[in-house]
Amino acid sequence: MMEETLQEIWTQRIAAYQAASGQTMKAWCTEQDLTLHQLKYWLYKAQRQHNPVATSATFRAVSITALEPETEPLWVQVGSARITLISRFLR
């Protein structure tokens, strides 16, 4: 229950900060008697709620043409994940 209250308070504070025309984060926090760290934390938290990391897989079609059995494998890498495709499995 306290988390909801804090969430509401910081939602209002973030709106007030964003409405402060051109004021730096540091200056706004000083005026509000808040730390810069607090504001950055809650801005980060709000951003994650509005732009959550994808929780489901997104598939993209990939077309491969003219792979011969003697060719090198095809490596697909996204971030730290790597998939190696060998031509005998692509038929």
PDB file of N, CA and C in Angstrom:
ATOM      1  N   MET A   1       0.823  -1.189   0.000  1.00  0.00           N
ATOM      2  CA  MET A   1       0.000   0.000   0.000  1.00  0.00           C
ATOM      3  C   MET A   1       0.869   1.255   0.000  1.00  0.00           C
ATOM      4  N   MET A   2       1.945   1.256   0.767  1.00  0.00           N
ATOM      5  CA  MET A   2       2.827   2.420   0.805  1.00  0.00           C
ATOM      6  C   MET A   2       3.470   2.674  -0.558  1.00  0.00           C
ATOM      7  N   GLU A   3       3.776   1.604  -1.276  1.00  0.00           N
ATOM      8  CA  GLU A   3       4.379   1.744  -2.607  1.00  0.00           C
ATOM      9  C   GLU A   3       3.446   2.509  -3.552  1.00  0.00           C
ATOM     10  N   GLU A   4       2.165   2.233  -3.476  1.00  0.00           N
ATOM     11  CA  GLU A   4       1.208   2.951  -4.321  1.00  0.00           C
ATOM     12  C   GLU A   4       1.212   4.437  -3.989  1.00  0.00           C
ATOM     13  N   THR A   5       1.255   4.769  -2.712  1.00  0.00           N
ATOM     14  CA  THR A   5       1.279   6.158  -2.284  1.00  0.00           C
ATOM     15  C   THR A   5       2.538   6.847  -2.792  1.00  0.00           C
ATOM     16  N   LEU A   6       3.669   6.190  -2.637  1.00  0.00           N
ATOM     17  CA  LEU A   6       4.937   6.737  -3.149  1.00  0.00           C
ATOM     18  C   LEU A   6       4.874   6.907  -4.660  1.00  0.00           C
ATOM     19  N   GLN A   7       4.292   5.929  -5.319  1.00  0.00           N
ATOM     20  CA  GLN A   7       4.159   5.992  -6.780  1.00  0.00           C
ATOM     21  C   GLN A   7       3.344   7.221  -7.176  1.00  0.00           C
ATOM     22  N   GLU A   8       2.252   7.448  -6.498  1.00  0.00           N
ATOM     23  CA  GLU A   8       1.399   8.603  -6.806  1.00  0.00           C
ATOM     24  C   GLU A   8       2.133   9.915  -6.541  1.00  0.00           C
ATOM     25  N   ILE A   9       2.831   9.976  -5.412  1.00  0.00           N
ATOM     26  CA  ILE A   9       3.583  11.185  -5.064  1.00  0.00           C
ATOM     27  C   ILE A   9       4.614  11.492  -6.139  1.00  0.00           C
ATOM     28  N   TRP A  10       5.347  10.462  -6.552  1.00  0.00           N
ATOM     29  CA  TRP A  10       6.403  10.684  -7.538  1.00  0.00           C
ATOM     30  C   TRP A  10       5.850  10.936  -8.934  1.00  0.00           C
ATOM     31  N   THR A  11       4.691  10.404  -9.232  1.00  0.00           N
ATOM     32  CA  THR A  11       4.056  10.723 -10.515  1.00  0.00           C
ATOM     33  C   THR A  11       3.750  12.217 -10.563  1.00  0.00           C
ATOM     34  N   GLN A  12       3.259  12.746  -9.457  1.00  0.00           N
ATOM     35  CA  GLN A  12       2.982  14.180  -9.382  1.00  0.00           C
ATOM     36  C   GLN A  12       4.277  14.995  -9.434  1.00  0.00           C
ATOM     37  N   ARG A  13       5.304  14.540  -8.734  1.00  0.00           N
ATOM     38  CA  ARG A  13       6.579  15.261  -8.721  1.00  0.00           C
ATOM     39  C   ARG A  13       7.207  15.284 -10.116  1.00  0.00           C
ATOM     40  N   ILE A  14       7.130  14.171 -10.801  1.00  0.00           N
ATOM     41  CA  ILE A  14       7.701  14.101 -12.156  1.00  0.00           C
ATOM     42  C   ILE A  14       6.961  15.057 -13.084  1.00  0.00           C
ATOM     43  N   ALA A  15       5.633  15.101 -12.963  1.00  0.00           N
ATOM     44  CA  ALA A  15       4.844  16.029 -13.784  1.00  0.00           C
ATOM     45  C   ALA A  15       5.245  17.472 -13.470  1.00  0.00           C
ATOM     46  N   ALA A  16       5.459  17.772 -12.196  1.00  0.00           N
ATOM     47  CA  ALA A  16       5.864  19.131 -11.800  1.00  0.00           C
ATOM     48  C   ALA A  16       7.263  19.447 -12.333  1.00  0.00           C
ATOM     49  N   TYR A  17       8.174  18.493 -12.269  1.00  0.00           N
ATOM     50  CA  TYR A  17       9.523  18.712 -12.803  1.00  0.00           C
ATOM     51  C   TYR A  17       9.459  18.974 -14.310  1.00  0.00           C
ATOM     52  N   GLN A  18       8.692  18.172 -15.017  1.00  0.00           N
ATOM     53  CA  GLN A  18       8.607  18.323 -16.468  1.00  0.00           C
ATOM     54  C   GLN A  18       7.926  19.633 -16.859  1.00  0.00           C
ATOM     55  N   ALA A  19       7.063  20.141 -15.990  1.00  0.00           N
ATOM     56  CA  ALA A  19       6.408  21.420 -16.264  1.00  0.00           C
ATOM     57  C   ALA A  19       7.320  22.607 -15.967  1.00  0.00           C
ATOM     58  N   ALA A  20       8.371  22.395 -15.186  1.00  0.00           N
ATOM     59  CA  ALA A  20       9.314  23.471 -14.849  1.00  0.00           C
ATOM     60  C   ALA A  20      10.123  23.779 -16.102  1.00  0.00           C
ATOM     61  N   SER A  21       9.781  24.847 -16.768  1.00  0.00           N
ATOM     62  CA  SER A  21      10.356  25.162 -18.078  1.00  0.00           C
ATOM     63  C   SER A  21      11.857  25.393 -18.023  1.00  0.00           C
ATOM     64  N   GLY A  22      12.588  24.484 -18.608  1.00  0.00           N
ATOM     65  CA  GLY A  22      14.026  24.642 -18.778  1.00  0.00           C
ATOM     66  C   GLY A  22      14.862  24.518 -17.513  1.00  0.00           C
ATOM     67  N   GLN A  23      14.264  24.215 -16.403  1.00  0.00           N
ATOM     68  CA  GLN A  23      15.013  24.109 -15.158  1.00  0.00           C
ATOM     69  C   GLN A  23      15.792  22.796 -15.150  1.00  0.00           C
ATOM     70  N   THR A  24      17.033  22.861 -14.674  1.00  0.00           N
ATOM     71  CA  THR A  24      17.842  21.642 -14.619  1.00  0.00           C
ATOM     72  C   THR A  24      17.312  20.728 -13.522  1.00  0.00           C
ATOM     73  N   MET A  25      17.637  19.459 -13.638  1.00  0.00           N
ATOM     74  CA  MET A  25      17.235  18.493 -12.620  1.00  0.00           C
ATOM     75  C   MET A  25      17.770  18.913 -11.251  1.00  0.00           C
ATOM     76  N   LYS A  26      19.040  19.294 -11.232  1.00  0.00           N
ATOM     77  CA  LYS A  26      19.679  19.657  -9.968  1.00  0.00           C
ATOM     78  C   LYS A  26      18.995  20.866  -9.323  1.00  0.00           C
ATOM     79  N   ALA A  27      18.716  21.903 -10.111  1.00  0.00           N
ATOM     80  CA  ALA A  27      18.069  23.104  -9.586  1.00  0.00           C
ATOM     81  C   ALA A  27      16.668  22.787  -9.073  1.00  0.00           C
ATOM     82  N   TRP A  28      15.925  21.994  -9.824  1.00  0.00           N
ATOM     83  CA  TRP A  28      14.572  21.635  -9.405  1.00  0.00           C
ATOM     84  C   TRP A  28      14.603  20.842  -8.110  1.00  0.00           C
ATOM     85  N   CYS A  29      15.515  19.878  -8.013  1.00  0.00           N
ATOM     86  CA  CYS A  29      15.622  19.062  -6.800  1.00  0.00           C
ATOM     87  C   CYS A  29      15.999  19.917  -5.596  1.00  0.00           C
ATOM     88  N   THR A  30      16.903  20.866  -5.777  1.00  0.00           N
ATOM     89  CA  THR A  30      17.298  21.759  -4.691  1.00  0.00           C
ATOM     90  C   THR A  30      16.093  22.546  -4.186  1.00  0.00           C
ATOM     91  N   GLU A  31      15.305  23.090  -5.111  1.00  0.00           N
ATOM     92  CA  GLU A  31      14.099  23.835  -4.732  1.00  0.00           C
ATOM     93  C   GLU A  31      13.080  22.967  -4.000  1.00  0.00           C
ATOM     94  N   GLN A  32      12.993  21.707  -4.383  1.00  0.00           N
ATOM     95  CA  GLN A  32      11.995  20.796  -3.809  1.00  0.00           C
ATOM     96  C   GLN A  32      12.516  20.041  -2.589  1.00  0.00           C
ATOM     97  N   ASP A  33      13.780  20.283  -2.231  1.00  0.00           N
ATOM     98  CA  ASP A  33      14.434  19.584  -1.119  1.00  0.00           C
ATOM     99  C   ASP A  33      14.450  18.070  -1.345  1.00  0.00           C
ATOM    100  N   LEU A  34      14.798  17.694  -2.575  1.00  0.00           N
ATOM    101  CA  LEU A  34      14.931  16.295  -2.964  1.00  0.00           C
ATOM    102  C   LEU A  34      16.344  16.073  -3.474  1.00  0.00           C
ATOM    103  N   THR A  35      16.763  14.826  -3.495  1.00  0.00           N
ATOM    104  CA  THR A  35      18.084  14.555  -4.055  1.00  0.00           C
ATOM    105  C   THR A  35      17.956  14.262  -5.548  1.00  0.00           C
ATOM    106  N   LEU A  36      19.007  14.550  -6.261  1.00  0.00           N
ATOM    107  CA  LEU A  36      19.052  14.273  -7.696  1.00  0.00           C
ATOM    108  C   LEU A  36      18.882  12.779  -7.939  1.00  0.00           C
ATOM    109  N   HIS A  37      19.463  11.984  -7.063  1.00  0.00           N
ATOM    110  CA  HIS A  37      19.365  10.523  -7.180  1.00  0.00           C
ATOM    111  C   HIS A  37      17.901  10.070  -7.128  1.00  0.00           C
ATOM    112  N   GLN A  38      17.117  10.645  -6.214  1.00  0.00           N
ATOM    113  CA  GLN A  38      15.701  10.278  -6.107  1.00  0.00           C
ATOM    114  C   GLN A  38      14.956  10.564  -7.405  1.00  0.00           C
ATOM    115  N   LEU A  39      15.168  11.749  -7.939  1.00  0.00           N
ATOM    116  CA  LEU A  39      14.475  12.120  -9.177  1.00  0.00           C
ATOM    117  C   LEU A  39      14.875  11.195 -10.313  1.00  0.00           C
ATOM    118  N   LYS A  40      16.166  10.950 -10.456  1.00  0.00           N
ATOM    119  CA  LYS A  40      16.619  10.063 -11.535  1.00  0.00           C
ATOM    120  C   LYS A  40      16.037   8.665 -11.384  1.00  0.00           C
ATOM    121  N   TYR A  41      15.995   8.158 -10.165  1.00  0.00           N
ATOM    122  CA  TYR A  41      15.449   6.822  -9.908  1.00  0.00           C
ATOM    123  C   TYR A  41      13.984   6.749 -10.340  1.00  0.00           C
ATOM    124  N   TRP A  42      13.178   7.717  -9.909  1.00  0.00           N
ATOM    125  CA  TRP A  42      11.752   7.686 -10.217  1.00  0.00           C
ATOM    126  C   TRP A  42      11.478   7.977 -11.684  1.00  0.00           C
ATOM    127  N   LEU A  43      12.293   8.791 -12.320  1.00  0.00           N
ATOM    128  CA  LEU A  43      12.152   8.995 -13.769  1.00  0.00           C
ATOM    129  C   LEU A  43      12.427   7.686 -14.504  1.00  0.00           C
ATOM    130  N   TYR A  44      13.473   6.975 -14.073  1.00  0.00           N
ATOM    131  CA  TYR A  44      13.811   5.682 -14.671  1.00  0.00           C
ATOM    132  C   TYR A  44      12.655   4.697 -14.474  1.00  0.00           C
ATOM    133  N   LYS A  45      12.123   4.663 -13.264  1.00  0.00           N
ATOM    134  CA  LYS A  45      11.032   3.749 -12.955  1.00  0.00           C
ATOM    135  C   LYS A  45       9.791   4.072 -13.796  1.00  0.00           C
ATOM    136  N   ALA A  46       9.480   5.350 -13.945  1.00  0.00           N
ATOM    137  CA  ALA A  46       8.328   5.762 -14.748  1.00  0.00           C
ATOM    138  C   ALA A  46       8.530   5.399 -16.214  1.00  0.00           C
ATOM    139  N   GLN A  47       9.747   5.589 -16.699  1.00  0.00           N
ATOM    140  CA  GLN A  47      10.038   5.256 -18.106  1.00  0.00           C
ATOM    141  C   GLN A  47       9.869   3.767 -18.345  1.00  0.00           C
ATOM    142  N   ARG A  48      10.311   2.951 -17.412  1.00  0.00           N
ATOM    143  CA  ARG A  48      10.182   1.495 -17.565  1.00  0.00           C
ATOM    144  C   ARG A  48       8.726   1.056 -17.567  1.00  0.00           C
ATOM    145  N   GLN A  49       7.877   1.771 -16.827  1.00  0.00           N
ATOM    146  CA  GLN A  49       6.455   1.422 -16.808  1.00  0.00           C
ATOM    147  C   GLN A  49       5.784   1.786 -18.127  1.00  0.00           C
ATOM    148  N   HIS A  50       6.208   2.894 -18.729  1.00  0.00           N
ATOM    149  CA  HIS A  50       5.598   3.327 -19.983  1.00  0.00           C
ATOM    150  C   HIS A  50       6.202   2.620 -21.189  1.00  0.00           C
ATOM    151  N   ASN A  51       7.432   2.166 -21.077  1.00  0.00           N
ATOM    152  CA  ASN A  51       8.129   1.473 -22.171  1.00  0.00           C
ATOM    153  C   ASN A  51       8.723   0.178 -21.641  1.00  0.00           C
ATOM    154  N   PRO A  52       7.884  -0.777 -21.274  1.00  0.00           N
ATOM    155  CA  PRO A  52       8.424  -2.013 -20.696  1.00  0.00           C
ATOM    156  C   PRO A  52       9.247  -2.801 -21.710  1.00  0.00           C
ATOM    157  N   VAL A  53      10.205  -3.522 -21.191  1.00  0.00           N
ATOM    158  CA  VAL A  53      11.017  -4.402 -22.030  1.00  0.00           C
ATOM    159  C   VAL A  53      10.097  -5.496 -22.557  1.00  0.00           C
ATOM    160  N   ALA A  54      10.285  -5.852 -23.798  1.00  0.00           N
ATOM    161  CA  ALA A  54       9.439  -6.877 -24.406  1.00  0.00           C
ATOM    162  C   ALA A  54       9.485  -8.158 -23.593  1.00  0.00           C
ATOM    163  N   THR A  55       8.321  -8.672 -23.250  1.00  0.00           N
ATOM    164  CA  THR A  55       8.261  -9.898 -22.471  1.00  0.00           C
ATOM    165  C   THR A  55       7.903 -11.097 -23.339  1.00  0.00           C
ATOM    166  N   SER A  56       7.585 -10.852 -24.590  1.00  0.00           N
ATOM    167  CA  SER A  56       7.276 -11.948 -25.486  1.00  0.00           C
ATOM    168  C   SER A  56       8.202 -11.865 -26.700  1.00  0.00           C
ATOM    169  N   ALA A  57       8.366 -12.977 -27.332  1.00  0.00           N
ATOM    170  CA  ALA A  57       9.259 -13.041 -28.482  1.00  0.00           C
ATOM    171  C   ALA A  57       8.650 -12.335 -29.683  1.00  0.00           C
ATOM    172  N   THR A  58       9.498 -11.702 -30.457  1.00  0.00           N
ATOM    173  CA  THR A  58       9.086 -11.100 -31.715  1.00  0.00           C
ATOM    174  C   THR A  58       9.833 -11.833 -32.813  1.00  0.00           C
ATOM    175  N   PHE A  59       9.117 -12.354 -33.769  1.00  0.00           N
ATOM    176  CA  PHE A  59       9.737 -13.121 -34.830  1.00  0.00           C
ATOM    177  C   PHE A  59       9.882 -12.280 -36.086  1.00  0.00           C
ATOM    178  N   ARG A  60      11.002 -12.432 -36.743  1.00  0.00           N
ATOM    179  CA  ARG A  60      11.284 -11.749 -38.001  1.00  0.00           C
ATOM    180  C   ARG A  60      11.629 -12.813 -39.036  1.00  0.00           C
ATOM    181  N   ALA A  61      11.070 -12.656 -40.226  1.00  0.00           N
ATOM    182  CA  ALA A  61      11.356 -13.601 -41.305  1.00  0.00           C
ATOM    183  C   ALA A  61      12.746 -13.333 -41.860  1.00  0.00           C
ATOM    184  N   VAL A  62      13.472 -14.400 -42.127  1.00  0.00           N
ATOM    185  CA  VAL A  62      14.805 -14.301 -42.726  1.00  0.00           C
ATOM    186  C   VAL A  62      14.827 -15.241 -43.920  1.00  0.00           C
ATOM    187  N   SER A  63      15.194 -14.706 -45.065  1.00  0.00           N
ATOM    188  CA  SER A  63      15.292 -15.537 -46.269  1.00  0.00           C
ATOM    189  C   SER A  63      16.759 -15.784 -46.575  1.00  0.00           C
ATOM    190  N   ILE A  64      17.100 -17.050 -46.801  1.00  0.00           N
ATOM    191  CA  ILE A  64      18.471 -17.423 -47.144  1.00  0.00           C
ATOM    192  C   ILE A  64      18.421 -18.080 -48.513  1.00  0.00           C
ATOM    193  N   THR A  65      19.242 -17.583 -49.418  1.00  0.00           N
ATOM    194  CA  THR A  65      19.255 -18.162 -50.757  1.00  0.00           C
ATOM    195  C   THR A  65      20.624 -18.749 -51.052  1.00  0.00           C
ATOM    196  N   ALA A  66      20.634 -19.822 -51.790  1.00  0.00           N
ATOM    197  CA  ALA A  66      21.842 -20.454 -52.337  1.00  0.00           C
ATOM    198  C   ALA A  66      22.869 -20.834 -51.282  1.00  0.00           C
ATOM    199  N   LEU A  67      22.449 -21.533 -50.246  1.00  0.00           N
ATOM    200  CA  LEU A  67      23.419 -22.083 -49.292  1.00  0.00           C
ATOM    201  C   LEU A  67      23.826 -23.467 -49.774  1.00  0.00           C
ATOM    202  N   GLU A  68      25.070 -23.649 -49.956  1.00  0.00           N
ATOM    203  CA  GLU A  68      25.600 -24.945 -50.377  1.00  0.00           C
ATOM    204  C   GLU A  68      26.089 -25.693 -49.137  1.00  0.00           C
ATOM    205  N   PRO A  69      26.058 -27.025 -49.164  1.00  0.00           N
ATOM    206  CA  PRO A  69      26.507 -27.799 -48.001  1.00  0.00           C
ATOM    207  C   PRO A  69      27.940 -27.490 -47.576  1.00  0.00           C
ATOM    208  N   GLU A  70      28.769 -27.053 -48.506  1.00  0.00           N
ATOM    209  CA  GLU A  70      30.171 -26.794 -48.191  1.00  0.00           C
ATOM    210  C   GLU A  70      30.421 -25.397 -47.638  1.00  0.00           C
ATOM    211  N   THR A  71      29.408 -24.546 -47.619  1.00  0.00           N
ATOM    212  CA  THR A  71      29.611 -23.170 -47.172  1.00  0.00           C
ATOM    213  C   THR A  71      29.744 -23.092 -45.662  1.00  0.00           C
ATOM    214  N   GLU A  72      30.247 -21.973 -45.227  1.00  0.00           N
ATOM    215  CA  GLU A  72      30.375 -21.708 -43.793  1.00  0.00           C
ATOM    216  C   GLU A  72      28.983 -21.582 -43.174  1.00  0.00           C
ATOM    217  N   PRO A  73      28.867 -21.857 -41.888  1.00  0.00           N
ATOM    218  CA  PRO A  73      27.561 -21.683 -41.241  1.00  0.00           C
ATOM    219  C   PRO A  73      27.174 -20.198 -41.178  1.00  0.00           C
ATOM    220  N   LEU A  74      25.912 -19.968 -41.062  1.00  0.00           N
ATOM    221  CA  LEU A  74      25.401 -18.607 -40.918  1.00  0.00           C
ATOM    222  C   LEU A  74      25.193 -18.350 -39.432  1.00  0.00           C
ATOM    223  N   TRP A  75      25.748 -17.257 -38.932  1.00  0.00           N
ATOM    224  CA  TRP A  75      25.604 -16.897 -37.520  1.00  0.00           C
ATOM    225  C   TRP A  75      24.662 -15.717 -37.423  1.00  0.00           C
ATOM    226  N   VAL A  76      23.681 -15.839 -36.554  1.00  0.00           N
ATOM    227  CA  VAL A  76      22.761 -14.747 -36.264  1.00  0.00           C
ATOM    228  C   VAL A  76      22.974 -14.388 -34.803  1.00  0.00           C
ATOM    229  N   GLN A  77      23.329 -13.125 -34.562  1.00  0.00           N
ATOM    230  CA  GLN A  77      23.604 -12.712 -33.189  1.00  0.00           C
ATOM    231  C   GLN A  77      22.768 -11.488 -32.837  1.00  0.00           C
ATOM    232  N   VAL A  78      22.082 -11.563 -31.694  1.00  0.00           N
ATOM    233  CA  VAL A  78      21.311 -10.446 -31.149  1.00  0.00           C
ATOM    234  C   VAL A  78      21.739 -10.307 -29.699  1.00  0.00           C
ATOM    235  N   GLY A  79      22.395  -9.205 -29.392  1.00  0.00           N
ATOM    236  CA  GLY A  79      22.928  -9.036 -28.039  1.00  0.00           C
ATOM    237  C   GLY A  79      23.954 -10.116 -27.762  1.00  0.00           C
ATOM    238  N   SER A  80      23.794 -10.826 -26.663  1.00  0.00           N
ATOM    239  CA  SER A  80      24.743 -11.884 -26.334  1.00  0.00           C
ATOM    240  C   SER A  80      24.287 -13.254 -26.823  1.00  0.00           C
ATOM    241  N   ALA A  81      23.087 -13.329 -27.410  1.00  0.00           N
ATOM    242  CA  ALA A  81      22.573 -14.601 -27.923  1.00  0.00           C
ATOM    243  C   ALA A  81      23.042 -14.813 -29.357  1.00  0.00           C
ATOM    244  N   ARG A  82      23.538 -16.015 -29.642  1.00  0.00           N
ATOM    245  CA  ARG A  82      24.006 -16.329 -30.990  1.00  0.00           C
ATOM    246  C   ARG A  82      23.417 -17.663 -31.429  1.00  0.00           C
ATOM    247  N   ILE A  83      22.936 -17.690 -32.657  1.00  0.00           N
ATOM    248  CA  ILE A  83      22.408 -18.918 -33.256  1.00  0.00           C
ATOM    249  C   ILE A  83      23.266 -19.229 -34.472  1.00  0.00           C
ATOM    250  N   THR A  84      23.704 -20.459 -34.572  1.00  0.00           N
ATOM    251  CA  THR A  84      24.483 -20.893 -35.726  1.00  0.00           C
ATOM    252  C   THR A  84      23.601 -21.787 -36.590  1.00  0.00           C
ATOM    253  N   LEU A  85      23.441 -21.413 -37.856  1.00  0.00           N
ATOM    254  CA  LEU A  85      22.646 -22.182 -38.798  1.00  0.00           C
ATOM    255  C   LEU A  85      23.582 -22.913 -39.750  1.00  0.00           C
ATOM    256  N   ILE A  86      23.392 -24.199 -39.815  1.00  0.00           N
ATOM    257  CA  ILE A  86      24.193 -25.022 -40.715  1.00  0.00           C
ATOM    258  C   ILE A  86      23.291 -25.446 -41.860  1.00  0.00           C
ATOM    259  N   SER A  87      23.801 -25.398 -43.079  1.00  0.00           N
ATOM    260  CA  SER A  87      22.947 -25.586 -44.261  1.00  0.00           C
ATOM    261  C   SER A  87      22.190 -26.901 -44.278  1.00  0.00           C
ATOM    262  N   ARG A  88      22.702 -27.955 -43.718  1.00  0.00           N
ATOM    263  CA  ARG A  88      21.965 -29.237 -43.779  1.00  0.00           C
ATOM    264  C   ARG A  88      20.681 -29.184 -42.964  1.00  0.00           C
ATOM    265  N   PHE A  89      20.553 -28.223 -42.056  1.00  0.00           N
ATOM    266  CA  PHE A  89      19.337 -28.103 -41.253  1.00  0.00           C
ATOM    267  C   PHE A  89      18.349 -27.097 -41.854  1.00  0.00           C
ATOM    268  N   LEU A  90      18.707 -26.453 -42.928  1.00  0.00           N
ATOM    269  CA  LEU A  90      17.866 -25.421 -43.523  1.00  0.00           C
ATOM    270  C   LEU A  90      17.001 -25.922 -44.658  1.00  0.00           C
ATOM    271  N   ARG A  91      17.021 -27.140 -44.963  1.00  0.00           N
ATOM    272  CA  ARG A  91      16.250 -27.663 -46.085  1.00  0.00           C
ATOM    273  C   ARG A  91      14.863 -28.046 -45.688  1.00  0.00           C
TER     274      ARG A  91
END
